[in-house]
């Protein structure tokens, strides 16, 4: 059994972000998702406490860079703030999104 600890998820983080933040590589994203019985494509609620590994190999150079800049990777896209692009013949542009073949 691997050693684990608790980790509180930051706003807009996905599994790859958490893996990079903790280990300096995105390689463990799938392992983290599986450890928490989740899909790697699922969104993670901010503030949720998840289990993480404490005995994985780390890329210390990446971790040092993140820590020295106080960086927290958070790359999830919040679709609630995006406005849908208007549709219809009144908005289409010839040769861009109105193509006749």
PDB file of N, CA and C in Angstrom:
ATOM      1  N   UNK A   1       0.851  -1.191   0.000  1.00  0.00           N
ATOM      2  CA  UNK A   1       0.000   0.000   0.000  1.00  0.00           C
ATOM      3  C   UNK A   1       0.885   1.239   0.000  1.00  0.00           C
ATOM      4  N   UNK A   2       0.570   2.159  -0.873  1.00  0.00           N
ATOM      5  CA  UNK A   2       1.365   3.372  -0.979  1.00  0.00           C
ATOM      6  C   UNK A   2       0.955   4.369   0.097  1.00  0.00           C
ATOM      7  N   UNK A   3       1.905   5.208   0.484  1.00  0.00           N
ATOM      8  CA  UNK A   3       1.639   6.222   1.491  1.00  0.00           C
ATOM      9  C   UNK A   3       0.833   7.361   0.888  1.00  0.00           C
ATOM     10  N   UNK A   4      -0.160   7.844   1.629  1.00  0.00           N
ATOM     11  CA  UNK A   4      -1.003   8.925   1.137  1.00  0.00           C
ATOM     12  C   UNK A   4      -1.157  10.005   2.201  1.00  0.00           C
ATOM     13  N   UNK A   5      -1.596  11.172   1.741  1.00  0.00           N
ATOM     14  CA  UNK A   5      -1.894  12.304   2.615  1.00  0.00           C
ATOM     15  C   UNK A   5      -3.092  13.036   2.030  1.00  0.00           C
ATOM     16  N   UNK A   6      -3.617  13.991   2.763  1.00  0.00           N
ATOM     17  CA  UNK A   6      -4.742  14.795   2.284  1.00  0.00           C
ATOM     18  C   UNK A   6      -4.226  16.046   1.592  1.00  0.00           C
ATOM     19  N   UNK A   7      -4.963  16.486   0.580  1.00  0.00           N
ATOM     20  CA  UNK A   7      -4.616  17.707  -0.164  1.00  0.00           C
ATOM     21  C   UNK A   7      -5.903  18.446  -0.472  1.00  0.00           C
ATOM     22  N   UNK A   8      -5.924  19.742  -0.232  1.00  0.00           N
ATOM     23  CA  UNK A   8      -7.094  20.566  -0.516  1.00  0.00           C
ATOM     24  C   UNK A   8      -6.942  21.190  -1.909  1.00  0.00           C
ATOM     25  N   UNK A   9      -7.904  20.934  -2.773  1.00  0.00           N
ATOM     26  CA  UNK A   9      -7.853  21.363  -4.167  1.00  0.00           C
ATOM     27  C   UNK A   9      -8.064  22.878  -4.273  1.00  0.00           C
ATOM     28  N   UNK A  10      -7.216  23.511  -5.076  1.00  0.00           N
ATOM     29  CA  UNK A  10      -7.339  24.940  -5.344  1.00  0.00           C
ATOM     30  C   UNK A  10      -8.386  25.184  -6.432  1.00  0.00           C
ATOM     31  N   UNK A  11      -8.836  26.411  -6.553  1.00  0.00           N
ATOM     32  CA  UNK A  11      -9.794  26.826  -7.582  1.00  0.00           C
ATOM     33  C   UNK A  11      -9.212  26.569  -8.973  1.00  0.00           C
ATOM     34  N   UNK A  12     -10.033  26.020  -9.868  1.00  0.00           N
ATOM     35  CA  UNK A  12      -9.698  25.798 -11.278  1.00  0.00           C
ATOM     36  C   UNK A  12      -8.622  24.726 -11.499  1.00  0.00           C
ATOM     37  N   UNK A  13      -8.382  23.842 -10.555  1.00  0.00           N
ATOM     38  CA  UNK A  13      -7.377  22.804 -10.751  1.00  0.00           C
ATOM     39  C   UNK A  13      -7.990  21.549 -11.352  1.00  0.00           C
ATOM     40  N   UNK A  14      -7.209  20.926 -12.219  1.00  0.00           N
ATOM     41  CA  UNK A  14      -7.556  19.620 -12.767  1.00  0.00           C
ATOM     42  C   UNK A  14      -6.495  18.630 -12.267  1.00  0.00           C
ATOM     43  N   UNK A  15      -6.672  17.361 -12.551  1.00  0.00           N
ATOM     44  CA  UNK A  15      -5.747  16.347 -12.038  1.00  0.00           C
ATOM     45  C   UNK A  15      -4.312  16.591 -12.475  1.00  0.00           C
ATOM     46  N   UNK A  16      -4.113  17.037 -13.700  1.00  0.00           N
ATOM     47  CA  UNK A  16      -2.764  17.322 -14.186  1.00  0.00           C
ATOM     48  C   UNK A  16      -2.123  18.457 -13.387  1.00  0.00           C
ATOM     49  N   UNK A  17      -2.910  19.487 -13.072  1.00  0.00           N
ATOM     50  CA  UNK A  17      -2.394  20.607 -12.280  1.00  0.00           C
ATOM     51  C   UNK A  17      -1.923  20.151 -10.909  1.00  0.00           C
ATOM     52  N   UNK A  18      -2.721  19.294 -10.277  1.00  0.00           N
ATOM     53  CA  UNK A  18      -2.382  18.793  -8.945  1.00  0.00           C
ATOM     54  C   UNK A  18      -1.096  17.972  -9.007  1.00  0.00           C
ATOM     55  N   UNK A  19      -0.989  17.127 -10.014  1.00  0.00           N
ATOM     56  CA  UNK A  19       0.207  16.319 -10.186  1.00  0.00           C
ATOM     57  C   UNK A  19       1.441  17.203 -10.391  1.00  0.00           C
ATOM     58  N   UNK A  20       1.320  18.220 -11.213  1.00  0.00           N
ATOM     59  CA  UNK A  20       2.441  19.133 -11.455  1.00  0.00           C
ATOM     60  C   UNK A  20       2.798  19.892 -10.179  1.00  0.00           C
ATOM     61  N   UNK A  21       1.797  20.363  -9.466  1.00  0.00           N
ATOM     62  CA  UNK A  21       2.023  21.127  -8.247  1.00  0.00           C
ATOM     63  C   UNK A  21       2.724  20.296  -7.162  1.00  0.00           C
ATOM     64  N   UNK A  22       2.355  19.034  -7.050  1.00  0.00           N
ATOM     65  CA  UNK A  22       2.906  18.194  -5.993  1.00  0.00           C
ATOM     66  C   UNK A  22       4.196  17.465  -6.372  1.00  0.00           C
ATOM     67  N   UNK A  23       4.315  17.076  -7.647  1.00  0.00           N
ATOM     68  CA  UNK A  23       5.431  16.230  -8.048  1.00  0.00           C
ATOM     69  C   UNK A  23       6.303  16.827  -9.147  1.00  0.00           C
ATOM     70  N   UNK A  24       5.884  17.954  -9.734  1.00  0.00           N
ATOM     71  CA  UNK A  24       6.668  18.572 -10.796  1.00  0.00           C
ATOM     72  C   UNK A  24       6.490  17.912 -12.143  1.00  0.00           C
ATOM     73  N   UNK A  25       5.487  17.052 -12.280  1.00  0.00           N
ATOM     74  CA  UNK A  25       5.207  16.369 -13.538  1.00  0.00           C
ATOM     75  C   UNK A  25       3.728  15.977 -13.570  1.00  0.00           C
ATOM     76  N   UNK A  26       3.166  15.926 -14.769  1.00  0.00           N
ATOM     77  CA  UNK A  26       1.754  15.552 -14.924  1.00  0.00           C
ATOM     78  C   UNK A  26       1.570  14.038 -15.014  1.00  0.00           C
ATOM     79  N   UNK A  27       2.641  13.286 -14.912  1.00  0.00           N
ATOM     80  CA  UNK A  27       2.616  11.835 -15.095  1.00  0.00           C
ATOM     81  C   UNK A  27       1.659  11.141 -14.123  1.00  0.00           C
ATOM     82  N   UNK A  28       1.496  11.666 -12.929  1.00  0.00           N
ATOM     83  CA  UNK A  28       0.702  10.987 -11.908  1.00  0.00           C
ATOM     84  C   UNK A  28      -0.769  11.406 -11.888  1.00  0.00           C
ATOM     85  N   UNK A  29      -1.218  12.166 -12.865  1.00  0.00           N
ATOM     86  CA  UNK A  29      -2.602  12.638 -12.890  1.00  0.00           C
ATOM     87  C   UNK A  29      -3.596  11.477 -12.880  1.00  0.00           C
ATOM     88  N   UNK A  30      -3.387  10.496 -13.714  1.00  0.00           N
ATOM     89  CA  UNK A  30      -4.289   9.340 -13.780  1.00  0.00           C
ATOM     90  C   UNK A  30      -4.257   8.557 -12.470  1.00  0.00           C
ATOM     91  N   UNK A  31      -3.073   8.391 -11.898  1.00  0.00           N
ATOM     92  CA  UNK A  31      -2.948   7.672 -10.628  1.00  0.00           C
ATOM     93  C   UNK A  31      -3.701   8.392  -9.509  1.00  0.00           C
ATOM     94  N   UNK A  32      -3.600   9.721  -9.488  1.00  0.00           N
ATOM     95  CA  UNK A  32      -4.313  10.504  -8.468  1.00  0.00           C
ATOM     96  C   UNK A  32      -5.824  10.360  -8.624  1.00  0.00           C
ATOM     97  N   UNK A  33      -6.297  10.438  -9.854  1.00  0.00           N
ATOM     98  CA  UNK A  33      -7.733  10.301 -10.109  1.00  0.00           C
ATOM     99  C   UNK A  33      -8.215   8.914  -9.671  1.00  0.00           C
ATOM    100  N   UNK A  34      -7.465   7.893 -10.017  1.00  0.00           N
ATOM    101  CA  UNK A  34      -7.847   6.530  -9.646  1.00  0.00           C
ATOM    102  C   UNK A  34      -7.806   6.332  -8.131  1.00  0.00           C
ATOM    103  N   UNK A  35      -6.827   6.923  -7.453  1.00  0.00           N
ATOM    104  CA  UNK A  35      -6.737   6.826  -6.001  1.00  0.00           C
ATOM    105  C   UNK A  35      -7.988   7.396  -5.330  1.00  0.00           C
ATOM    106  N   UNK A  36      -8.570   8.423  -5.972  1.00  0.00           N
ATOM    107  CA  UNK A  36      -9.749   9.083  -5.425  1.00  0.00           C
ATOM    108  C   UNK A  36     -11.052   8.595  -6.063  1.00  0.00           C
ATOM    109  N   UNK A  37     -10.976   7.468  -6.783  1.00  0.00           N
ATOM    110  CA  UNK A  37     -12.150   6.879  -7.442  1.00  0.00           C
ATOM    111  C   UNK A  37     -12.869   7.862  -8.355  1.00  0.00           C
ATOM    112  N   UNK A  38     -12.094   8.606  -9.135  1.00  0.00           N
ATOM    113  CA  UNK A  38     -12.639   9.595 -10.056  1.00  0.00           C
ATOM    114  C   UNK A  38     -12.052   9.359 -11.444  1.00  0.00           C
ATOM    115  N   UNK A  39     -12.682   9.956 -12.439  1.00  0.00           N
ATOM    116  CA  UNK A  39     -12.156   9.926 -13.798  1.00  0.00           C
ATOM    117  C   UNK A  39     -11.206  11.103 -13.957  1.00  0.00           C
ATOM    118  N   UNK A  40     -10.174  10.916 -14.747  1.00  0.00           N
ATOM    119  CA  UNK A  40      -9.208  11.987 -14.962  1.00  0.00           C
ATOM    120  C   UNK A  40      -9.839  13.171 -15.707  1.00  0.00           C
ATOM    121  N   UNK A  41     -10.990  12.949 -16.356  1.00  0.00           N
ATOM    122  CA  UNK A  41     -11.661  14.022 -17.086  1.00  0.00           C
ATOM    123  C   UNK A  41     -12.700  14.759 -16.241  1.00  0.00           C
ATOM    124  N   UNK A  42     -12.970  14.279 -15.027  1.00  0.00           N
ATOM    125  CA  UNK A  42     -13.959  14.924 -14.160  1.00  0.00           C
ATOM    126  C   UNK A  42     -13.410  16.218 -13.571  1.00  0.00           C
ATOM    127  N   UNK A  43     -14.294  17.197 -13.412  1.00  0.00           N
ATOM    128  CA  UNK A  43     -13.929  18.416 -12.701  1.00  0.00           C
ATOM    129  C   UNK A  43     -13.828  18.111 -11.211  1.00  0.00           C
ATOM    130  N   UNK A  44     -12.958  18.843 -10.525  1.00  0.00           N
ATOM    131  CA  UNK A  44     -12.786  18.669  -9.093  1.00  0.00           C
ATOM    132  C   UNK A  44     -13.261  19.952  -8.412  1.00  0.00           C
ATOM    133  N   UNK A  45     -14.115  19.806  -7.430  1.00  0.00           N
ATOM    134  CA  UNK A  45     -14.659  20.971  -6.747  1.00  0.00           C
ATOM    135  C   UNK A  45     -13.563  21.664  -5.942  1.00  0.00           C
ATOM    136  N   UNK A  46     -13.461  23.009  -6.036  1.00  0.00           N
ATOM    137  CA  UNK A  46     -12.481  23.741  -5.237  1.00  0.00           C
ATOM    138  C   UNK A  46     -12.748  23.525  -3.749  1.00  0.00           C
ATOM    139  N   UNK A  47     -11.694  23.355  -2.981  1.00  0.00           N
ATOM    140  CA  UNK A  47     -11.826  23.144  -1.551  1.00  0.00           C
ATOM    141  C   UNK A  47     -12.010  21.689  -1.158  1.00  0.00           C
ATOM    142  N   UNK A  48     -12.242  20.824  -2.135  1.00  0.00           N
ATOM    143  CA  UNK A  48     -12.415  19.391  -1.845  1.00  0.00           C
ATOM    144  C   UNK A  48     -11.084  18.813  -1.357  1.00  0.00           C
ATOM    145  N   UNK A  49     -11.138  17.975  -0.361  1.00  0.00           N
ATOM    146  CA  UNK A  49      -9.949  17.302   0.148  1.00  0.00           C
ATOM    147  C   UNK A  49      -9.845  15.942  -0.527  1.00  0.00           C
ATOM    148  N   UNK A  50      -8.711  15.718  -1.176  1.00  0.00           N
ATOM    149  CA  UNK A  50      -8.467  14.461  -1.881  1.00  0.00           C
ATOM    150  C   UNK A  50      -7.239  13.783  -1.293  1.00  0.00           C
ATOM    151  N   UNK A  51      -7.071  12.521  -1.620  1.00  0.00           N
ATOM    152  CA  UNK A  51      -5.882  11.766  -1.216  1.00  0.00           C
ATOM    153  C   UNK A  51      -4.804  11.936  -2.277  1.00  0.00           C
ATOM    154  N   UNK A  52      -3.556  12.104  -1.845  1.00  0.00           N
ATOM    155  CA  UNK A  52      -2.415  12.199  -2.758  1.00  0.00           C
ATOM    156  C   UNK A  52      -1.310  11.284  -2.247  1.00  0.00           C
ATOM    157  N   UNK A  53      -0.424  10.923  -3.133  1.00  0.00           N
ATOM    158  CA  UNK A  53       0.701  10.060  -2.780  1.00  0.00           C
ATOM    159  C   UNK A  53       1.809  10.874  -2.121  1.00  0.00           C
ATOM    160  N   UNK A  54       2.487  10.268  -1.160  1.00  0.00           N
ATOM    161  CA  UNK A  54       3.617  10.937  -0.507  1.00  0.00           C
ATOM    162  C   UNK A  54       4.950  10.308  -0.882  1.00  0.00           C
ATOM    163  N   UNK A  55       4.914   9.269  -1.705  1.00  0.00           N
ATOM    164  CA  UNK A  55       6.153   8.557  -2.013  1.00  0.00           C
ATOM    165  C   UNK A  55       6.451   8.451  -3.510  1.00  0.00           C
ATOM    166  N   UNK A  56       5.961   9.397  -4.282  1.00  0.00           N
ATOM    167  CA  UNK A  56       6.236   9.389  -5.723  1.00  0.00           C
ATOM    168  C   UNK A  56       7.509  10.180  -6.020  1.00  0.00           C
ATOM    169  N   UNK A  57       8.166   9.824  -7.113  1.00  0.00           N
ATOM    170  CA  UNK A  57       9.365  10.535  -7.542  1.00  0.00           C
ATOM    171  C   UNK A  57       8.974  11.944  -7.997  1.00  0.00           C
ATOM    172  N   UNK A  58       9.821  12.927  -7.676  1.00  0.00           N
ATOM    173  CA  UNK A  58       9.497  14.321  -7.981  1.00  0.00           C
ATOM    174  C   UNK A  58      10.537  14.940  -8.914  1.00  0.00           C
ATOM    175  N   UNK A  59      10.078  15.888  -9.715  1.00  0.00           N
ATOM    176  CA  UNK A  59      10.983  16.696 -10.531  1.00  0.00           C
ATOM    177  C   UNK A  59      11.279  17.953  -9.719  1.00  0.00           C
ATOM    178  N   UNK A  60      12.360  17.957  -9.002  1.00  0.00           N
ATOM    179  CA  UNK A  60      12.676  19.035  -8.059  1.00  0.00           C
ATOM    180  C   UNK A  60      12.906  20.382  -8.741  1.00  0.00           C
ATOM    181  N   UNK A  61      13.410  20.379  -9.964  1.00  0.00           N
ATOM    182  CA  UNK A  61      13.648  21.622 -10.686  1.00  0.00           C
ATOM    183  C   UNK A  61      12.325  22.351 -10.967  1.00  0.00           C
ATOM    184  N   UNK A  62      11.315  21.608 -11.414  1.00  0.00           N
ATOM    185  CA  UNK A  62       9.994  22.196 -11.673  1.00  0.00           C
ATOM    186  C   UNK A  62       9.365  22.666 -10.369  1.00  0.00           C
ATOM    187  N   UNK A  63       9.463  21.841  -9.325  1.00  0.00           N
ATOM    188  CA  UNK A  63       8.897  22.218  -8.029  1.00  0.00           C
ATOM    189  C   UNK A  63       9.555  23.475  -7.481  1.00  0.00           C
ATOM    190  N   UNK A  64      10.873  23.573  -7.614  1.00  0.00           N
ATOM    191  CA  UNK A  64      11.584  24.767  -7.156  1.00  0.00           C
ATOM    192  C   UNK A  64      11.108  26.002  -7.920  1.00  0.00           C
ATOM    193  N   UNK A  65      10.949  25.861  -9.229  1.00  0.00           N
ATOM    194  CA  UNK A  65      10.482  26.977 -10.051  1.00  0.00           C
ATOM    195  C   UNK A  65       9.081  27.423  -9.640  1.00  0.00           C
ATOM    196  N   UNK A  66       8.184  26.478  -9.417  1.00  0.00           N
ATOM    197  CA  UNK A  66       6.821  26.818  -8.994  1.00  0.00           C
ATOM    198  C   UNK A  66       6.829  27.508  -7.633  1.00  0.00           C
ATOM    199  N   UNK A  67       7.604  26.975  -6.697  1.00  0.00           N
ATOM    200  CA  UNK A  67       7.636  27.535  -5.353  1.00  0.00           C
ATOM    201  C   UNK A  67       8.293  28.905  -5.320  1.00  0.00           C
ATOM    202  N   UNK A  68       9.353  29.108  -6.088  1.00  0.00           N
ATOM    203  CA  UNK A  68      10.049  30.390  -6.059  1.00  0.00           C
ATOM    204  C   UNK A  68       9.202  31.503  -6.668  1.00  0.00           C
ATOM    205  N   UNK A  69       8.251  31.142  -7.520  1.00  0.00           N
ATOM    206  CA  UNK A  69       7.352  32.132  -8.115  1.00  0.00           C
ATOM    207  C   UNK A  69       5.975  32.136  -7.463  1.00  0.00           C
ATOM    208  N   UNK A  70       5.803  31.355  -6.408  1.00  0.00           N
ATOM    209  CA  UNK A  70       4.506  31.187  -5.730  1.00  0.00           C
ATOM    210  C   UNK A  70       3.405  30.830  -6.730  1.00  0.00           C
ATOM    211  N   UNK A  71       3.724  29.935  -7.654  1.00  0.00           N
ATOM    212  CA  UNK A  71       2.786  29.539  -8.708  1.00  0.00           C
ATOM    213  C   UNK A  71       1.985  28.308  -8.296  1.00  0.00           C
ATOM    214  N   UNK A  72       0.700  28.353  -8.604  1.00  0.00           N
ATOM    215  CA  UNK A  72      -0.185  27.211  -8.394  1.00  0.00           C
ATOM    216  C   UNK A  72      -0.859  26.920  -9.731  1.00  0.00           C
ATOM    217  N   UNK A  73      -0.472  25.819 -10.405  1.00  0.00           N
ATOM    218  CA  UNK A  73      -1.097  25.512 -11.685  1.00  0.00           C
ATOM    219  C   UNK A  73      -2.604  25.314 -11.528  1.00  0.00           C
ATOM    220  N   UNK A  74      -3.357  25.999 -12.359  1.00  0.00           N
ATOM    221  CA  UNK A  74      -4.819  25.893 -12.347  1.00  0.00           C
ATOM    222  C   UNK A  74      -5.323  26.217 -13.744  1.00  0.00           C
ATOM    223  N   UNK A  75      -5.542  25.194 -14.547  1.00  0.00           N
ATOM    224  CA  UNK A  75      -5.832  25.406 -15.963  1.00  0.00           C
ATOM    225  C   UNK A  75      -7.235  25.011 -16.396  1.00  0.00           C
ATOM    226  N   UNK A  76      -8.106  24.701 -15.462  1.00  0.00           N
ATOM    227  CA  UNK A  76      -9.470  24.318 -15.839  1.00  0.00           C
ATOM    228  C   UNK A  76     -10.185  25.508 -16.481  1.00  0.00           C
ATOM    229  N   UNK A  77     -11.069  25.218 -17.413  1.00  0.00           N
ATOM    230  CA  UNK A  77     -11.827  26.256 -18.111  1.00  0.00           C
ATOM    231  C   UNK A  77     -13.202  26.361 -17.470  1.00  0.00           C
ATOM    232  N   UNK A  78     -13.570  27.573 -17.088  1.00  0.00           N
ATOM    233  CA  UNK A  78     -14.887  27.818 -16.507  1.00  0.00           C
ATOM    234  C   UNK A  78     -15.820  28.273 -17.628  1.00  0.00           C
ATOM    235  N   UNK A  79     -16.662  27.372 -18.093  1.00  0.00           N
ATOM    236  CA  UNK A  79     -17.539  27.661 -19.226  1.00  0.00           C
ATOM    237  C   UNK A  79     -18.698  28.579 -18.863  1.00  0.00           C
ATOM    238  N   UNK A  80     -18.963  28.780 -17.578  1.00  0.00           N
ATOM    239  CA  UNK A  80     -20.097  29.615 -17.174  1.00  0.00           C
ATOM    240  C   UNK A  80     -19.883  31.084 -17.528  1.00  0.00           C
ATOM    241  N   UNK A  81     -18.625  31.507 -17.711  1.00  0.00           N
ATOM    242  CA  UNK A  81     -18.343  32.905 -18.047  1.00  0.00           C
ATOM    243  C   UNK A  81     -18.247  33.150 -19.552  1.00  0.00           C
ATOM    244  N   UNK A  82     -18.300  32.077 -20.329  1.00  0.00           N
ATOM    245  CA  UNK A  82     -18.177  32.221 -21.780  1.00  0.00           C
ATOM    246  C   UNK A  82     -19.538  32.473 -22.407  1.00  0.00           C
ATOM    247  N   UNK A  83     -19.584  33.422 -23.308  1.00  0.00           N
ATOM    248  CA  UNK A  83     -20.820  33.702 -24.025  1.00  0.00           C
ATOM    249  C   UNK A  83     -20.824  32.895 -25.322  1.00  0.00           C
ATOM    250  N   UNK A  84     -21.939  32.275 -25.632  1.00  0.00           N
ATOM    251  CA  UNK A  84     -21.987  31.510 -26.881  1.00  0.00           C
ATOM    252  C   UNK A  84     -21.886  32.440 -28.086  1.00  0.00           C
ATOM    253  N   UNK A  85     -21.191  31.966 -29.106  1.00  0.00           N
ATOM    254  CA  UNK A  85     -21.051  32.746 -30.331  1.00  0.00           C
ATOM    255  C   UNK A  85     -22.389  32.743 -31.067  1.00  0.00           C
ATOM    256  N   UNK A  86     -22.829  33.922 -31.537  1.00  0.00           N
ATOM    257  CA  UNK A  86     -24.114  33.975 -32.249  1.00  0.00           C
ATOM    258  C   UNK A  86     -24.099  33.071 -33.478  1.00  0.00           C
ATOM    259  N   UNK A  87     -25.231  32.496 -33.796  1.00  0.00           N
ATOM    260  CA  UNK A  87     -25.365  31.586 -34.927  1.00  0.00           C
ATOM    261  C   UNK A  87     -26.402  32.151 -35.899  1.00  0.00           C
ATOM    262  N   UNK A  88     -26.332  31.685 -37.088  1.00  0.00           N
ATOM    263  CA  UNK A  88     -27.326  32.046 -38.085  1.00  0.00           C
ATOM    264  C   UNK A  88     -26.731  32.806 -39.246  1.00  0.00           C
ATOM    265  N   UNK A  89     -27.502  32.924 -40.302  1.00  0.00           N
ATOM    266  CA  UNK A  89     -27.001  33.538 -41.533  1.00  0.00           C
ATOM    267  C   UNK A  89     -26.623  35.006 -41.341  1.00  0.00           C
ATOM    268  N   UNK A  90     -27.226  35.670 -40.400  1.00  0.00           N
ATOM    269  CA  UNK A  90     -26.897  37.071 -40.144  1.00  0.00           C
ATOM    270  C   UNK A  90     -25.535  37.259 -39.496  1.00  0.00           C
ATOM    271  N   UNK A  91     -24.935  36.174 -38.961  1.00  0.00           N
ATOM    272  CA  UNK A  91     -23.647  36.272 -38.277  1.00  0.00           C
ATOM    273  C   UNK A  91     -22.527  35.533 -38.996  1.00  0.00           C
ATOM    274  N   UNK A  92     -22.862  34.731 -39.974  1.00  0.00           N
ATOM    275  CA  UNK A  92     -21.853  33.938 -40.656  1.00  0.00           C
ATOM    276  C   UNK A  92     -20.986  34.810 -41.546  1.00  0.00           C
ATOM    277  N   UNK A  93     -19.740  34.398 -41.713  1.00  0.00           N
ATOM    278  CA  UNK A  93     -18.803  35.122 -42.556  1.00  0.00           C
ATOM    279  C   UNK A  93     -18.367  34.165 -43.671  1.00  0.00           C
ATOM    280  N   UNK A  94     -18.446  34.665 -44.904  1.00  0.00           N
ATOM    281  CA  UNK A  94     -18.090  33.830 -46.053  1.00  0.00           C
ATOM    282  C   UNK A  94     -16.623  33.413 -45.942  1.00  0.00           C
ATOM    283  N   UNK A  95     -16.365  32.143 -46.216  1.00  0.00           N
ATOM    284  CA  UNK A  95     -15.065  31.477 -46.180  1.00  0.00           C
ATOM    285  C   UNK A  95     -14.512  31.311 -44.762  1.00  0.00           C
ATOM    286  N   UNK A  96     -15.238  31.732 -43.736  1.00  0.00           N
ATOM    287  CA  UNK A  96     -14.793  31.472 -42.359  1.00  0.00           C
ATOM    288  C   UNK A  96     -15.677  30.386 -41.752  1.00  0.00           C
ATOM    289  N   UNK A  97     -16.949  30.700 -41.544  1.00  0.00           N
ATOM    290  CA  UNK A  97     -17.858  29.699 -41.005  1.00  0.00           C
ATOM    291  C   UNK A  97     -19.068  29.486 -41.907  1.00  0.00           C
ATOM    292  N   UNK A  98     -19.084  30.149 -43.036  1.00  0.00           N
ATOM    293  CA  UNK A  98     -20.108  29.942 -44.066  1.00  0.00           C
ATOM    294  C   UNK A  98     -19.399  29.499 -45.320  1.00  0.00           C
ATOM    295  N   UNK A  99     -19.310  28.191 -45.508  1.00  0.00           N
ATOM    296  CA  UNK A  99     -18.561  27.638 -46.629  1.00  0.00           C
ATOM    297  C   UNK A  99     -19.488  26.790 -47.476  1.00  0.00           C
ATOM    298  N   UNK A 100     -19.522  27.101 -48.762  1.00  0.00           N
ATOM    299  CA  UNK A 100     -20.336  26.351 -49.700  1.00  0.00           C
ATOM    300  C   UNK A 100     -19.392  25.421 -50.478  1.00  0.00           C
ATOM    301  N   UNK A 101     -19.740  24.142 -50.476  1.00  0.00           N
ATOM    302  CA  UNK A 101     -18.877  23.211 -51.207  1.00  0.00           C
ATOM    303  C   UNK A 101     -19.617  22.570 -52.342  1.00  0.00           C
TER     304      UNK A 101
END
